Every structure is written in C-alpha cells, then in structure tokens.
C-alpha cells in the first residue's frame, strides 16, 4: 500500500466504525472514539482479507469485509469490557 492508500484506509476506518456502531444494537462500553478505533482496525483487517480473497480491483469486497471485521472486533470488545464490569 502507498501512503495515499494508508490515509484512505484510515478515513474509511472511521466511517466503518460508525457504520458498525449503527448496525450493532446495544450500548458500547467504550464510547464513540473506541468504536471508531475498532472500525479503523476492522478496515485494515477487512481490506487486507477482502483484497487477499477477492483481488485488488474488488473494492466492494473490501468495504463489506471492513464492516464485518469491525463488527466482529466491536463484539469482542463488548465481551471483554463487559466482563470487567
């Protein structure tokens, strides 16, 4: 990935985090910033997996995988943070 690709992935990660928060019902223990950081991690992971599985030209796969990965990370975070309370 180039520098531009990295910056675009970061911006998309913030958007993906917001979408994952909207799609996952319930209260998040970390708030909006943690959700967006999880979305950023989900975007990195989803983009990597989507491009690995479906090719570099398929951007829809990257978006879908990013949202799915962010939702999975958000679910894991809720499970871990829920145990601490």
Protein backbone atom coordinates (compact mmCIF):
# COMPACT_ATOMS: atom_id res chain seq x y z
CA UNK A 1 0.00 0.00 0.00
CA UNK A 2 1.12 3.51 -0.73
CA UNK A 3 0.87 6.45 1.65
CA UNK A 4 -2.32 7.57 -0.05
CA UNK A 5 -3.78 4.09 0.38
CA UNK A 6 -2.92 4.12 4.06
CA UNK A 7 -4.57 7.52 4.60
CA UNK A 8 -7.69 6.48 2.67
CA UNK A 9 -7.90 3.28 4.72
CA UNK A 10 -7.72 5.35 7.93
CA UNK A 11 -10.54 7.64 6.82
CA UNK A 12 -12.59 4.66 5.71
CA UNK A 13 -11.90 3.06 9.09
CA UNK A 14 -13.57 5.96 10.87
CA UNK A 15 -16.60 5.63 8.58
CA UNK A 16 -16.65 1.85 9.00
CA UNK A 17 -16.55 2.24 12.79
CA UNK A 18 -19.60 4.49 12.64
CA UNK A 19 -21.44 2.01 10.38
CA UNK A 20 -20.55 -0.90 12.68
CA UNK A 21 -21.85 1.06 15.67
CA UNK A 22 -25.12 1.72 13.85
CA UNK A 23 -25.52 -1.93 12.83
CA UNK A 24 -24.70 -3.36 16.26
CA UNK A 25 -27.53 -2.75 18.69
CA UNK A 26 -26.80 -2.12 22.32
CA UNK A 27 -24.66 0.13 24.44
CA UNK A 28 -20.94 0.30 23.80
CA UNK A 29 -18.76 0.39 26.90
CA UNK A 30 -16.05 2.44 25.18
CA UNK A 31 -17.99 5.21 23.53
CA UNK A 32 -17.66 6.70 20.10
CA UNK A 33 -13.87 7.05 19.93
CA UNK A 34 -13.20 3.42 20.86
CA UNK A 35 -15.78 2.31 18.30
CA UNK A 36 -14.08 4.37 15.61
CA UNK A 37 -10.68 2.95 16.55
CA UNK A 38 -12.14 -0.55 16.32
CA UNK A 39 -13.55 0.47 12.94
CA UNK A 40 -10.08 1.56 11.90
CA UNK A 41 -8.68 -1.83 12.91
CA UNK A 42 -11.59 -3.52 11.15
CA UNK A 43 -10.90 -1.52 8.00
CA UNK A 44 -7.25 -2.58 8.00
CA UNK A 45 -8.13 -6.21 8.61
CA UNK A 46 -11.11 -6.23 6.25
CA UNK A 47 -9.23 -4.51 3.44
CA UNK A 48 -6.38 -6.97 3.77
CA UNK A 49 -8.69 -10.01 3.81
CA UNK A 50 -11.01 -8.68 1.11
CA UNK A 51 -8.16 -7.95 -1.27
CA UNK A 52 -6.46 -11.22 -0.45
CA UNK A 53 -9.59 -13.27 -1.11
CA UNK A 54 -11.27 -11.31 -3.91
CA UNK A 55 -8.46 -9.38 -5.61
CA UNK A 56 -7.24 -5.79 -5.55
CA UNK A 57 -9.83 -4.48 -8.01
CA UNK A 58 -12.88 -5.53 -5.95
CA UNK A 59 -13.45 -2.54 -3.67
CA UNK A 60 -16.94 -3.68 -2.63
CA UNK A 61 -15.41 -6.77 -1.02
CA UNK A 62 -13.05 -4.52 0.92
CA UNK A 63 -15.94 -2.39 2.22
CA UNK A 64 -18.07 -5.37 3.17
CA UNK A 65 -15.18 -7.18 4.83
CA UNK A 66 -14.20 -3.99 6.65
CA UNK A 67 -17.68 -3.59 8.14
CA UNK A 68 -17.86 -7.28 9.07
CA UNK A 69 -14.39 -7.19 10.66
CA UNK A 70 -15.28 -4.02 12.59
CA UNK A 71 -18.49 -5.61 13.85
CA UNK A 72 -16.58 -8.70 14.99
CA UNK A 73 -13.97 -6.55 16.77
CA UNK A 74 -16.74 -4.49 18.38
CA UNK A 75 -18.46 -7.67 19.57
CA UNK A 76 -15.19 -8.98 21.03
CA UNK A 77 -14.57 -5.65 22.73
CA UNK A 78 -18.05 -5.70 24.25
CA UNK A 79 -17.48 -9.21 25.56
CA UNK A 80 -14.12 -8.33 27.10
CA UNK A 81 -15.21 -4.97 28.52
CA UNK A 82 -18.46 -6.49 29.79
CA UNK A 83 -16.56 -8.98 31.94
CA UNK A 84 -14.64 -6.22 33.67
CA UNK A 85 -17.77 -4.51 34.92
